[in-house]
PDB file of N, CA and C in Angstrom:
ATOM      1  N   MET A   1       0.854  -1.185   0.000  1.00  0.00           N
ATOM      2  CA  MET A   1       0.000   0.000   0.000  1.00  0.00           C
ATOM      3  C   MET A   1       0.891   1.237   0.000  1.00  0.00           C
ATOM      4  N   ALA A   2       0.432   2.247  -0.652  1.00  0.00           N
ATOM      5  CA  ALA A   2       1.176   3.493  -0.695  1.00  0.00           C
ATOM      6  C   ALA A   2       0.190   4.652  -0.625  1.00  0.00           C
ATOM      7  N   ASP A   3       0.460   5.599   0.219  1.00  0.00           N
ATOM      8  CA  ASP A   3      -0.396   6.782   0.335  1.00  0.00           C
ATOM      9  C   ASP A   3      -1.864   6.402   0.524  1.00  0.00           C
ATOM     10  N   GLY A   4      -2.116   5.364   1.311  1.00  0.00           N
ATOM     11  CA  GLY A   4      -3.484   4.976   1.612  1.00  0.00           C
ATOM     12  C   GLY A   4      -4.171   4.192   0.515  1.00  0.00           C
ATOM     13  N   GLY A   5      -3.465   3.828  -0.546  1.00  0.00           N
ATOM     14  CA  GLY A   5      -4.078   3.061  -1.626  1.00  0.00           C
ATOM     15  C   GLY A   5      -3.197   1.903  -2.023  1.00  0.00           C
ATOM     16  N   PHE A   6      -3.785   0.937  -2.683  1.00  0.00           N
ATOM     17  CA  PHE A   6      -3.030  -0.231  -3.118  1.00  0.00           C
ATOM     18  C   PHE A   6      -2.293   0.062  -4.412  1.00  0.00           C
ATOM     19  N   ARG A   7      -1.127  -0.555  -4.558  1.00  0.00           N
ATOM     20  CA  ARG A   7      -0.370  -0.488  -5.799  1.00  0.00           C
ATOM     21  C   ARG A   7      -0.179  -1.916  -6.291  1.00  0.00           C
ATOM     22  N   PHE A   8      -0.192  -2.084  -7.593  1.00  0.00           N
ATOM     23  CA  PHE A   8       0.010  -3.401  -8.173  1.00  0.00           C
ATOM     24  C   PHE A   8       1.493  -3.736  -8.193  1.00  0.00           C
ATOM     25  N   ALA A   9       1.799  -5.012  -8.003  1.00  0.00           N
ATOM     26  CA  ALA A   9       3.172  -5.490  -8.102  1.00  0.00           C
ATOM     27  C   ALA A   9       3.186  -6.753  -8.941  1.00  0.00           C
ATOM     28  N   LEU A  10       4.231  -6.894  -9.725  1.00  0.00           N
ATOM     29  CA  LEU A  10       4.418  -8.065 -10.579  1.00  0.00           C
ATOM     30  C   LEU A  10       5.720  -8.744 -10.181  1.00  0.00           C
ATOM     31  N   ASP A  11       5.700 -10.085 -10.072  1.00  0.00           N
ATOM     32  CA  ASP A  11       6.975 -10.738  -9.805  1.00  0.00           C
ATOM     33  C   ASP A  11       7.863 -10.555 -11.035  1.00  0.00           C
ATOM     34  N   GLU A  12       9.174 -10.724 -10.860  1.00  0.00           N
ATOM     35  CA  GLU A  12      10.106 -10.424 -11.950  1.00  0.00           C
ATOM     36  C   GLU A  12       9.804 -11.190 -13.231  1.00  0.00           C
ATOM     37  N   GLY A  13       9.422 -12.460 -13.104  1.00  0.00           N
ATOM     38  CA  GLY A  13       9.120 -13.256 -14.299  1.00  0.00           C
ATOM     39  C   GLY A  13       7.941 -12.702 -15.070  1.00  0.00           C
ATOM     40  N   GLU A  14       6.883 -12.372 -14.343  1.00  0.00           N
ATOM     41  CA  GLU A  14       5.690 -11.801 -14.971  1.00  0.00           C
ATOM     42  C   GLU A  14       6.005 -10.435 -15.569  1.00  0.00           C
ATOM     43  N   ALA A  15       6.763  -9.624 -14.839  1.00  0.00           N
ATOM     44  CA  ALA A  15       7.128  -8.291 -15.333  1.00  0.00           C
ATOM     45  C   ALA A  15       8.002  -8.393 -16.576  1.00  0.00           C
ATOM     46  N   ALA A  16       8.924  -9.351 -16.600  1.00  0.00           N
ATOM     47  CA  ALA A  16       9.797  -9.516 -17.766  1.00  0.00           C
ATOM     48  C   ALA A  16       8.968  -9.814 -19.014  1.00  0.00           C
ATOM     49  N   LYS A  17       7.995 -10.691 -18.891  1.00  0.00           N
ATOM     50  CA  LYS A  17       7.132 -11.018 -20.033  1.00  0.00           C
ATOM     51  C   LYS A  17       6.291  -9.821 -20.444  1.00  0.00           C
ATOM     52  N   LEU A  18       5.639  -9.205 -19.470  1.00  0.00           N
ATOM     53  CA  LEU A  18       4.742  -8.097 -19.752  1.00  0.00           C
ATOM     54  C   LEU A  18       5.467  -6.894 -20.354  1.00  0.00           C
ATOM     55  N   LEU A  19       6.642  -6.590 -19.823  1.00  0.00           N
ATOM     56  CA  LEU A  19       7.373  -5.401 -20.251  1.00  0.00           C
ATOM     57  C   LEU A  19       8.371  -5.692 -21.368  1.00  0.00           C
ATOM     58  N   SER A  20       8.434  -6.951 -21.798  1.00  0.00           N
ATOM     59  CA  SER A  20       9.327  -7.370 -22.892  1.00  0.00           C
ATOM     60  C   SER A  20      10.787  -7.015 -22.617  1.00  0.00           C
ATOM     61  N   ARG A  21      11.230  -7.342 -21.413  1.00  0.00           N
ATOM     62  CA  ARG A  21      12.606  -7.118 -21.009  1.00  0.00           C
ATOM     63  C   ARG A  21      13.081  -8.310 -20.194  1.00  0.00           C
ATOM     64  N   SER A  22      14.372  -8.522 -20.178  1.00  0.00           N
ATOM     65  CA  SER A  22      14.924  -9.612 -19.377  1.00  0.00           C
ATOM     66  C   SER A  22      14.890  -9.221 -17.897  1.00  0.00           C
ATOM     67  N   LYS A  23      14.990 -10.224 -17.041  1.00  0.00           N
ATOM     68  CA  LYS A  23      15.054  -9.938 -15.603  1.00  0.00           C
ATOM     69  C   LYS A  23      16.277  -9.084 -15.294  1.00  0.00           C
ATOM     70  N   LYS A  24      17.377  -9.354 -15.992  1.00  0.00           N
ATOM     71  CA  LYS A  24      18.593  -8.557 -15.790  1.00  0.00           C
ATOM     72  C   LYS A  24      18.332  -7.094 -16.130  1.00  0.00           C
ATOM     73  N   ARG A  25      17.651  -6.850 -17.250  1.00  0.00           N
ATOM     74  CA  ARG A  25      17.351  -5.468 -17.655  1.00  0.00           C
ATOM     75  C   ARG A  25      16.419  -4.799 -16.656  1.00  0.00           C
ATOM     76  N   LEU A  26      15.454  -5.548 -16.127  1.00  0.00           N
ATOM     77  CA  LEU A  26      14.560  -4.982 -15.118  1.00  0.00           C
ATOM     78  C   LEU A  26      15.354  -4.552 -13.889  1.00  0.00           C
ATOM     79  N   ARG A  27      16.304  -5.383 -13.459  1.00  0.00           N
ATOM     80  CA  ARG A  27      17.127  -5.025 -12.294  1.00  0.00           C
ATOM     81  C   ARG A  27      17.948  -3.772 -12.581  1.00  0.00           C
ATOM     82  N   GLU A  28      18.454  -3.651 -13.812  1.00  0.00           N
ATOM     83  CA  GLU A  28      19.204  -2.448 -14.192  1.00  0.00           C
ATOM     84  C   GLU A  28      18.313  -1.209 -14.125  1.00  0.00           C
ATOM     85  N   LEU A  29      17.073  -1.340 -14.584  1.00  0.00           N
ATOM     86  CA  LEU A  29      16.136  -0.211 -14.548  1.00  0.00           C
ATOM     87  C   LEU A  29      15.779   0.165 -13.110  1.00  0.00           C
ATOM     88  N   VAL A  30      15.675  -0.826 -12.240  1.00  0.00           N
ATOM     89  CA  VAL A  30      15.423  -0.548 -10.825  1.00  0.00           C
ATOM     90  C   VAL A  30      16.615   0.203 -10.242  1.00  0.00           C
ATOM     91  N   GLU A  31      17.828  -0.283 -10.515  1.00  0.00           N
ATOM     92  CA  GLU A  31      19.038   0.374 -10.001  1.00  0.00           C
ATOM     93  C   GLU A  31      19.161   1.797 -10.508  1.00  0.00           C
ATOM     94  N   ALA A  32      18.711   2.039 -11.737  1.00  0.00           N
ATOM     95  CA  ALA A  32      18.764   3.378 -12.324  1.00  0.00           C
ATOM     96  C   ALA A  32      17.633   4.276 -11.832  1.00  0.00           C
ATOM     97  N   GLY A  33      16.694   3.711 -11.056  1.00  0.00           N
ATOM     98  CA  GLY A  33      15.582   4.505 -10.532  1.00  0.00           C
ATOM     99  C   GLY A  33      14.433   4.678 -11.505  1.00  0.00           C
ATOM    100  N   ARG A  34      14.425   3.918 -12.586  1.00  0.00           N
ATOM    101  CA  ARG A  34      13.363   4.051 -13.591  1.00  0.00           C
ATOM    102  C   ARG A  34      12.193   3.118 -13.338  1.00  0.00           C
ATOM    103  N   LEU A  35      12.405   2.122 -12.474  1.00  0.00           N
ATOM    104  CA  LEU A  35      11.332   1.232 -12.026  1.00  0.00           C
ATOM    105  C   LEU A  35      11.448   1.112 -10.513  1.00  0.00           C
ATOM    106  N   ASP A  36      10.329   0.820  -9.884  1.00  0.00           N
ATOM    107  CA  ASP A  36      10.317   0.630  -8.440  1.00  0.00           C
ATOM    108  C   ASP A  36      10.364  -0.862  -8.145  1.00  0.00           C
ATOM    109  N   GLY A  37      11.469  -1.326  -7.621  1.00  0.00           N
ATOM    110  CA  GLY A  37      11.610  -2.723  -7.261  1.00  0.00           C
ATOM    111  C   GLY A  37      11.569  -2.892  -5.752  1.00  0.00           C
ATOM    112  N   GLU A  38      10.882  -3.895  -5.300  1.00  0.00           N
ATOM    113  CA  GLU A  38      10.765  -4.196  -3.883  1.00  0.00           C
ATOM    114  C   GLU A  38      10.909  -5.701  -3.699  1.00  0.00           C
ATOM    115  N   THR A  39      10.885  -6.132  -2.466  1.00  0.00           N
ATOM    116  CA  THR A  39      10.904  -7.562  -2.166  1.00  0.00           C
ATOM    117  C   THR A  39       9.656  -7.892  -1.377  1.00  0.00           C
ATOM    118  N   TYR A  40       8.902  -8.862  -1.877  1.00  0.00           N
ATOM    119  CA  TYR A  40       7.712  -9.343  -1.174  1.00  0.00           C
ATOM    120  C   TYR A  40       8.154 -10.443  -0.227  1.00  0.00           C
ATOM    121  N   HIS A  41       7.761 -10.307   1.033  1.00  0.00           N
ATOM    122  CA  HIS A  41       8.081 -11.287   2.057  1.00  0.00           C
ATOM    123  C   HIS A  41       6.805 -12.064   2.377  1.00  0.00           C
ATOM    124  N   PRO A  42       6.678 -13.288   1.841  1.00  0.00           N
ATOM    125  CA  PRO A  42       5.472 -14.082   2.101  1.00  0.00           C
ATOM    126  C   PRO A  42       5.241 -14.263   3.604  1.00  0.00           C
ATOM    127  N   PRO A  43       3.979 -14.327   4.011  1.00  0.00           N
ATOM    128  CA  PRO A  43       3.669 -14.405   5.438  1.00  0.00           C
ATOM    129  C   PRO A  43       3.993 -15.757   6.075  1.00  0.00           C
ATOM    130  N   ARG A  44       4.124 -16.794   5.275  1.00  0.00           N
ATOM    131  CA  ARG A  44       4.396 -18.120   5.838  1.00  0.00           C
ATOM    132  C   ARG A  44       5.887 -18.369   5.960  1.00  0.00           C
ATOM    133  N   ASP A  45       6.290 -18.959   7.071  1.00  0.00           N
ATOM    134  CA  ASP A  45       7.694 -19.307   7.275  1.00  0.00           C
ATOM    135  C   ASP A  45       8.151 -20.299   6.219  1.00  0.00           C
ATOM    136  N   GLY A  46       9.368 -20.140   5.778  1.00  0.00           N
ATOM    137  CA  GLY A  46       9.947 -21.070   4.830  1.00  0.00           C
ATOM    138  C   GLY A  46       9.734 -20.717   3.373  1.00  0.00           C
ATOM    139  N   GLU A  47       8.790 -19.830   3.083  1.00  0.00           N
ATOM    140  CA  GLU A  47       8.582 -19.427   1.689  1.00  0.00           C
ATOM    141  C   GLU A  47       9.652 -18.405   1.311  1.00  0.00           C
ATOM    142  N   PRO A  48      10.215 -18.537   0.111  1.00  0.00           N
ATOM    143  CA  PRO A  48      11.274 -17.602  -0.288  1.00  0.00           C
ATOM    144  C   PRO A  48      10.723 -16.207  -0.571  1.00  0.00           C
ATOM    145  N   ASP A  49      11.559 -15.209  -0.333  1.00  0.00           N
ATOM    146  CA  ASP A  49      11.209 -13.841  -0.710  1.00  0.00           C
ATOM    147  C   ASP A  49      11.117 -13.756  -2.225  1.00  0.00           C
ATOM    148  N   VAL A  50      10.292 -12.838  -2.697  1.00  0.00           N
ATOM    149  CA  VAL A  50      10.050 -12.705  -4.134  1.00  0.00           C
ATOM    150  C   VAL A  50      10.352 -11.268  -4.562  1.00  0.00           C
ATOM    151  N   PRO A  51      11.322 -11.068  -5.489  1.00  0.00           N
ATOM    152  CA  PRO A  51      11.533  -9.726  -6.017  1.00  0.00           C
ATOM    153  C   PRO A  51      10.359  -9.341  -6.914  1.00  0.00           C
ATOM    154  N   VAL A  52       9.873  -8.121  -6.749  1.00  0.00           N
ATOM    155  CA  VAL A  52       8.735  -7.650  -7.536  1.00  0.00           C
ATOM    156  C   VAL A  52       9.014  -6.268  -8.112  1.00  0.00           C
ATOM    157  N   ILE A  53       8.289  -5.956  -9.172  1.00  0.00           N
ATOM    158  CA  ILE A  53       8.276  -4.620  -9.755  1.00  0.00           C
ATOM    159  C   ILE A  53       6.945  -4.002  -9.356  1.00  0.00           C
ATOM    160  N   VAL A  54       7.007  -2.838  -8.727  1.00  0.00           N
ATOM    161  CA  VAL A  54       5.803  -2.169  -8.236  1.00  0.00           C
ATOM    162  C   VAL A  54       5.415  -1.069  -9.219  1.00  0.00           C
ATOM    163  N   LEU A  55       4.172  -1.113  -9.661  1.00  0.00           N
ATOM    164  CA  LEU A  55       3.686  -0.101 -10.596  1.00  0.00           C
ATOM    165  C   LEU A  55       3.395   1.196  -9.856  1.00  0.00           C
ATOM    166  N   PRO A  56       3.659   2.326 -10.487  1.00  0.00           N
ATOM    167  CA  PRO A  56       3.294   3.601  -9.872  1.00  0.00           C
ATOM    168  C   PRO A  56       1.788   3.645  -9.583  1.00  0.00           C
ATOM    169  N   ALA A  57       1.417   4.323  -8.534  1.00  0.00           N
ATOM    170  CA  ALA A  57       0.011   4.423  -8.138  1.00  0.00           C
ATOM    171  C   ALA A  57      -0.839   4.918  -9.303  1.00  0.00           C
ATOM    172  N   GLY A  58      -1.919   4.213  -9.559  1.00  0.00           N
ATOM    173  CA  GLY A  58      -2.861   4.607 -10.606  1.00  0.00           C
ATOM    174  C   GLY A  58      -2.443   4.246 -12.016  1.00  0.00           C
ATOM    175  N   MET A  59      -1.304   3.587 -12.189  1.00  0.00           N
ATOM    176  CA  MET A  59      -0.831   3.252 -13.530  1.00  0.00           C
ATOM    177  C   MET A  59      -1.173   1.796 -13.857  1.00  0.00           C
ATOM    178  N   THR A  60      -1.644   1.588 -15.073  1.00  0.00           N
ATOM    179  CA  THR A  60      -1.918   0.227 -15.526  1.00  0.00           C
ATOM    180  C   THR A  60      -0.626  -0.408 -16.034  1.00  0.00           C
ATOM    181  N   ARG A  61      -0.668  -1.718 -16.185  1.00  0.00           N
ATOM    182  CA  ARG A  61       0.501  -2.427 -16.721  1.00  0.00           C
ATOM    183  C   ARG A  61       0.804  -1.961 -18.144  1.00  0.00           C
ATOM    184  N   ALA A  62      -0.228  -1.780 -18.949  1.00  0.00           N
ATOM    185  CA  ALA A  62      -0.028  -1.340 -20.337  1.00  0.00           C
ATOM    186  C   ALA A  62       0.576   0.065 -20.388  1.00  0.00           C
ATOM    187  N   ALA A  63       0.126   0.939 -19.512  1.00  0.00           N
ATOM    188  CA  ALA A  63       0.656   2.300 -19.478  1.00  0.00           C
ATOM    189  C   ALA A  63       2.121   2.307 -19.048  1.00  0.00           C
ATOM    190  N   LEU A  64       2.479   1.445 -18.090  1.00  0.00           N
ATOM    191  CA  LEU A  64       3.869   1.359 -17.667  1.00  0.00           C
ATOM    192  C   LEU A  64       4.742   0.877 -18.821  1.00  0.00           C
ATOM    193  N   LYS A  65       4.291  -0.129 -19.557  1.00  0.00           N
ATOM    194  CA  LYS A  65       5.064  -0.629 -20.694  1.00  0.00           C
ATOM    195  C   LYS A  65       5.232   0.466 -21.740  1.00  0.00           C
ATOM    196  N   ALA A  66       4.160   1.188 -22.041  1.00  0.00           N
ATOM    197  CA  ALA A  66       4.233   2.257 -23.035  1.00  0.00           C
ATOM    198  C   ALA A  66       5.197   3.351 -22.586  1.00  0.00           C
ATOM    199  N   ARG A  67       5.129   3.709 -21.310  1.00  0.00           N
ATOM    200  CA  ARG A  67       6.025   4.744 -20.790  1.00  0.00           C
ATOM    201  C   ARG A  67       7.475   4.273 -20.835  1.00  0.00           C
ATOM    202  N   LEU A  68       7.698   3.053 -20.440  1.00  0.00           N
ATOM    203  CA  LEU A  68       9.044   2.499 -20.444  1.00  0.00           C
ATOM    204  C   LEU A  68       9.565   2.366 -21.868  1.00  0.00           C
ATOM    205  N   ASP A  69       8.742   1.921 -22.793  1.00  0.00           N
ATOM    206  CA  ASP A  69       9.152   1.811 -24.192  1.00  0.00           C
ATOM    207  C   ASP A  69       9.553   3.177 -24.734  1.00  0.00           C
ATOM    208  N   GLY A  70       8.787   4.189 -24.431  1.00  0.00           N
ATOM    209  CA  GLY A  70       9.095   5.535 -24.896  1.00  0.00           C
ATOM    210  C   GLY A  70      10.396   6.063 -24.326  1.00  0.00           C
ATOM    211  N   LYS A  71      10.636   5.833 -23.045  1.00  0.00           N
ATOM    212  CA  LYS A  71      11.881   6.307 -22.422  1.00  0.00           C
ATOM    213  C   LYS A  71      13.068   5.543 -22.952  1.00  0.00           C
ATOM    214  N   GLU A  72      12.938   4.250 -23.157  1.00  0.00           N
ATOM    215  CA  GLU A  72      14.079   3.472 -23.647  1.00  0.00           C
ATOM    216  C   GLU A  72      14.414   3.871 -25.062  1.00  0.00           C
ATOM    217  N   ASP A  73      13.412   4.214 -25.866  1.00  0.00           N
ATOM    218  CA  ASP A  73      13.693   4.665 -27.224  1.00  0.00           C
ATOM    219  C   ASP A  73      14.557   5.923 -27.203  1.00  0.00           C
ATOM    220  N   ARG A  74      14.320   6.790 -26.233  1.00  0.00           N
ATOM    221  CA  ARG A  74      15.081   8.038 -26.152  1.00  0.00           C
ATOM    222  C   ARG A  74      16.418   7.858 -25.448  1.00  0.00           C
ATOM    223  N   ASP A  75      16.480   6.926 -24.480  1.00  0.00           N
ATOM    224  CA  ASP A  75      17.676   6.807 -23.632  1.00  0.00           C
ATOM    225  C   ASP A  75      18.726   5.854 -24.172  1.00  0.00           C
ATOM    226  N   ASP A  76      18.318   4.787 -24.839  1.00  0.00           N
ATOM    227  CA  ASP A  76      19.293   3.763 -25.249  1.00  0.00           C
ATOM    228  C   ASP A  76      19.846   4.014 -26.635  1.00  0.00           C
TER     229      ASP A  76
END
């Protein structure tokens, strides 16, 4: 939750498919501050932590891909 509202998060595998980027590239974008990456800690003991990509509040998955595609066209 952020600012009193829910934000969507995608695990790295799902985000890689949706955003048409490798997991390595997603991590690079997180390090560069262009994506918000977090770690989901499952509530049950023994379950592994899951790296996720968190969508900006109010943004759809399609809008994030379009925004990222546009920025990468200009930046790379």
